[in-house]
């Protein structure tokens, strides 16, 4: 029964609004340490979502950031 509920609530990573650091690292092919470095250096960017002490990446805004960044 718990498995059925999990299947009904599964959202593919490419449709999620925000990604955990682990999901973002896997999705974008960027290391977790590098993602944390980007967040630390770009702490005022709109792609960062803070939930308490946790940081998440707003997927679409981060894609725009990557499109406009020549190197990371």
N, C-alpha and C. Protein backbone atom coordinates (compact mmCIF):
# COMPACT_ATOMS: atom_id res chain seq x y z
N UNK A 1 0.82 -1.19 0.00
CA UNK A 1 0.00 0.00 0.00
C UNK A 1 0.87 1.26 0.00
N UNK A 2 1.94 1.27 0.79
CA UNK A 2 2.83 2.44 0.81
C UNK A 2 3.50 2.63 -0.55
N UNK A 3 3.80 1.51 -1.22
CA UNK A 3 4.41 1.60 -2.55
C UNK A 3 3.46 2.25 -3.54
N UNK A 4 2.17 1.95 -3.46
CA UNK A 4 1.19 2.56 -4.35
C UNK A 4 1.14 4.07 -4.15
N UNK A 5 1.19 4.51 -2.92
CA UNK A 5 1.17 5.95 -2.65
C UNK A 5 2.42 6.62 -3.20
N UNK A 6 3.55 5.99 -3.06
CA UNK A 6 4.79 6.56 -3.58
C UNK A 6 4.76 6.65 -5.10
N UNK A 7 4.22 5.65 -5.76
CA UNK A 7 4.14 5.67 -7.22
C UNK A 7 3.23 6.78 -7.70
N UNK A 8 2.15 7.04 -6.99
CA UNK A 8 1.21 8.08 -7.38
C UNK A 8 1.78 9.47 -7.19
N UNK A 9 2.77 9.62 -6.32
CA UNK A 9 3.33 10.93 -6.03
C UNK A 9 4.70 11.14 -6.68
N UNK A 10 5.15 10.21 -7.50
CA UNK A 10 6.44 10.33 -8.15
C UNK A 10 6.38 11.43 -9.21
N UNK A 11 7.33 12.35 -9.13
CA UNK A 11 7.44 13.42 -10.12
C UNK A 11 8.80 13.27 -10.79
N UNK A 12 8.84 13.15 -12.10
CA UNK A 12 10.13 13.04 -12.78
C UNK A 12 11.00 14.27 -12.49
N UNK A 13 12.29 14.06 -12.40
CA UNK A 13 13.22 15.13 -12.03
C UNK A 13 13.12 16.33 -12.98
N UNK A 14 12.87 16.09 -14.26
CA UNK A 14 12.80 17.19 -15.23
C UNK A 14 11.50 17.98 -15.13
N UNK A 15 10.57 17.55 -14.28
CA UNK A 15 9.33 18.29 -14.07
C UNK A 15 9.26 18.95 -12.70
N UNK A 16 10.24 18.70 -11.85
CA UNK A 16 10.23 19.26 -10.50
C UNK A 16 10.52 20.76 -10.54
N UNK A 17 9.91 21.48 -9.61
CA UNK A 17 10.14 22.92 -9.49
C UNK A 17 11.54 23.16 -8.92
N UNK A 18 11.88 22.42 -7.87
CA UNK A 18 13.19 22.59 -7.26
C UNK A 18 13.84 21.23 -7.06
N UNK A 19 15.16 21.25 -7.03
CA UNK A 19 15.94 20.03 -6.90
C UNK A 19 16.79 20.08 -5.65
N UNK A 20 16.94 18.93 -5.00
CA UNK A 20 17.90 18.85 -3.90
C UNK A 20 19.30 18.96 -4.50
N UNK A 21 20.27 19.14 -3.67
CA UNK A 21 21.63 19.26 -4.17
C UNK A 21 22.06 17.96 -4.89
N UNK A 22 21.66 16.82 -4.35
CA UNK A 22 22.01 15.55 -4.97
C UNK A 22 21.32 15.40 -6.33
N UNK A 23 20.05 15.77 -6.40
CA UNK A 23 19.32 15.70 -7.66
C UNK A 23 19.93 16.64 -8.69
N UNK A 24 20.26 17.87 -8.27
CA UNK A 24 20.85 18.85 -9.18
C UNK A 24 22.20 18.37 -9.70
N UNK A 25 23.00 17.78 -8.82
CA UNK A 25 24.31 17.28 -9.23
C UNK A 25 24.15 16.20 -10.30
N UNK A 26 23.22 15.29 -10.10
CA UNK A 26 22.99 14.21 -11.07
C UNK A 26 22.40 14.76 -12.37
N UNK A 27 21.45 15.65 -12.27
CA UNK A 27 20.74 16.18 -13.43
C UNK A 27 21.64 17.03 -14.32
N UNK A 28 22.46 17.89 -13.71
CA UNK A 28 23.30 18.80 -14.48
C UNK A 28 24.72 18.29 -14.70
N UNK A 29 25.09 17.21 -14.06
CA UNK A 29 26.45 16.68 -14.22
C UNK A 29 27.49 17.58 -13.56
N UNK A 30 27.09 18.23 -12.49
CA UNK A 30 27.98 19.12 -11.73
C UNK A 30 28.15 18.51 -10.35
N UNK A 31 29.35 18.50 -9.84
CA UNK A 31 29.60 17.93 -8.52
C UNK A 31 28.90 18.71 -7.41
N UNK A 32 28.58 18.02 -6.34
CA UNK A 32 27.91 18.64 -5.21
C UNK A 32 28.76 19.76 -4.61
N UNK A 33 30.06 19.53 -4.49
CA UNK A 33 30.95 20.57 -3.95
C UNK A 33 30.91 21.81 -4.82
N UNK A 34 30.89 21.63 -6.13
CA UNK A 34 30.83 22.77 -7.06
C UNK A 34 29.50 23.49 -6.92
N UNK A 35 28.39 22.76 -6.76
CA UNK A 35 27.10 23.39 -6.56
C UNK A 35 27.08 24.24 -5.29
N UNK A 36 27.63 23.70 -4.22
CA UNK A 36 27.70 24.48 -2.98
C UNK A 36 28.58 25.72 -3.15
N UNK A 37 29.64 25.59 -3.93
CA UNK A 37 30.51 26.74 -4.21
C UNK A 37 29.74 27.80 -4.99
N UNK A 38 28.96 27.39 -5.98
CA UNK A 38 28.15 28.33 -6.76
C UNK A 38 27.16 29.04 -5.85
N UNK A 39 26.50 28.28 -4.98
CA UNK A 39 25.52 28.88 -4.07
C UNK A 39 26.20 29.86 -3.12
N UNK A 40 27.37 29.50 -2.63
CA UNK A 40 28.09 30.39 -1.71
C UNK A 40 28.50 31.69 -2.41
N UNK A 41 28.94 31.59 -3.67
CA UNK A 41 29.40 32.77 -4.40
C UNK A 41 28.26 33.58 -5.01
N UNK A 42 27.14 32.95 -5.26
CA UNK A 42 26.00 33.60 -5.91
C UNK A 42 24.79 33.62 -4.98
N UNK A 43 25.01 33.86 -3.70
CA UNK A 43 23.95 33.70 -2.69
C UNK A 43 22.73 34.58 -2.90
N UNK A 44 22.81 35.59 -3.74
CA UNK A 44 21.66 36.47 -3.97
C UNK A 44 20.92 36.15 -5.28
N UNK A 45 21.33 35.09 -5.96
CA UNK A 45 20.66 34.71 -7.20
C UNK A 45 19.28 34.13 -6.91
N UNK A 46 18.38 34.29 -7.86
CA UNK A 46 17.00 33.82 -7.70
C UNK A 46 16.86 32.31 -7.77
N UNK A 47 17.85 31.58 -8.26
CA UNK A 47 17.72 30.13 -8.39
C UNK A 47 17.91 29.38 -7.09
N UNK A 48 18.26 30.07 -6.02
CA UNK A 48 18.47 29.43 -4.72
C UNK A 48 17.19 29.51 -3.90
N UNK A 49 16.76 28.36 -3.40
CA UNK A 49 15.60 28.28 -2.54
C UNK A 49 16.07 27.75 -1.20
N UNK A 50 15.87 28.54 -0.16
CA UNK A 50 16.26 28.12 1.18
C UNK A 50 15.02 27.66 1.94
N UNK A 51 15.09 26.45 2.45
CA UNK A 51 14.03 25.91 3.29
C UNK A 51 14.68 25.57 4.61
N UNK A 52 14.57 26.50 5.55
CA UNK A 52 15.29 26.34 6.81
C UNK A 52 16.78 26.39 6.53
N UNK A 53 17.49 25.37 6.97
CA UNK A 53 18.93 25.28 6.74
C UNK A 53 19.26 24.59 5.42
N UNK A 54 18.23 24.07 4.76
CA UNK A 54 18.44 23.34 3.50
C UNK A 54 18.40 24.28 2.31
N UNK A 55 19.21 23.96 1.34
CA UNK A 55 19.24 24.73 0.10
C UNK A 55 18.76 23.81 -1.03
N UNK A 56 17.95 24.38 -1.91
CA UNK A 56 17.48 23.67 -3.09
C UNK A 56 17.73 24.56 -4.29
N UNK A 57 17.73 23.97 -5.47
CA UNK A 57 17.97 24.69 -6.71
C UNK A 57 16.65 24.76 -7.48
N UNK A 58 16.24 25.98 -7.82
CA UNK A 58 15.06 26.15 -8.68
C UNK A 58 15.50 25.81 -10.09
N UNK A 59 14.99 24.72 -10.59
CA UNK A 59 15.48 24.11 -11.83
C UNK A 59 15.51 25.06 -13.02
N UNK A 60 14.39 25.68 -13.35
CA UNK A 60 14.34 26.52 -14.56
C UNK A 60 15.21 27.76 -14.42
N UNK A 61 15.23 28.38 -13.25
CA UNK A 61 16.07 29.57 -13.06
C UNK A 61 17.55 29.21 -13.11
N UNK A 62 17.90 28.02 -12.59
CA UNK A 62 19.30 27.60 -12.65
C UNK A 62 19.71 27.31 -14.09
N UNK A 63 18.80 26.77 -14.88
CA UNK A 63 19.10 26.53 -16.29
C UNK A 63 19.37 27.85 -17.01
N UNK A 64 18.60 28.89 -16.70
CA UNK A 64 18.84 30.21 -17.29
C UNK A 64 20.20 30.74 -16.86
N UNK A 65 20.52 30.56 -15.58
CA UNK A 65 21.83 30.99 -15.06
C UNK A 65 22.95 30.28 -15.83
N UNK A 66 22.82 28.96 -16.01
CA UNK A 66 23.85 28.19 -16.72
C UNK A 66 23.95 28.63 -18.17
N UNK A 67 22.80 28.94 -18.80
CA UNK A 67 22.81 29.40 -20.20
C UNK A 67 23.59 30.70 -20.37
N UNK A 68 23.60 31.54 -19.35
CA UNK A 68 24.25 32.84 -19.42
C UNK A 68 25.62 32.89 -18.77
N UNK A 69 26.10 31.74 -18.32
CA UNK A 69 27.41 31.66 -17.65
C UNK A 69 28.38 30.91 -18.57
N UNK A 70 29.46 31.57 -19.01
CA UNK A 70 30.39 30.92 -19.93
C UNK A 70 31.18 29.78 -19.30
N UNK A 71 31.42 29.84 -17.98
CA UNK A 71 32.15 28.75 -17.33
C UNK A 71 31.77 28.72 -15.85
N UNK A 72 31.90 27.55 -15.28
CA UNK A 72 31.62 27.41 -13.84
C UNK A 72 32.77 26.73 -13.16
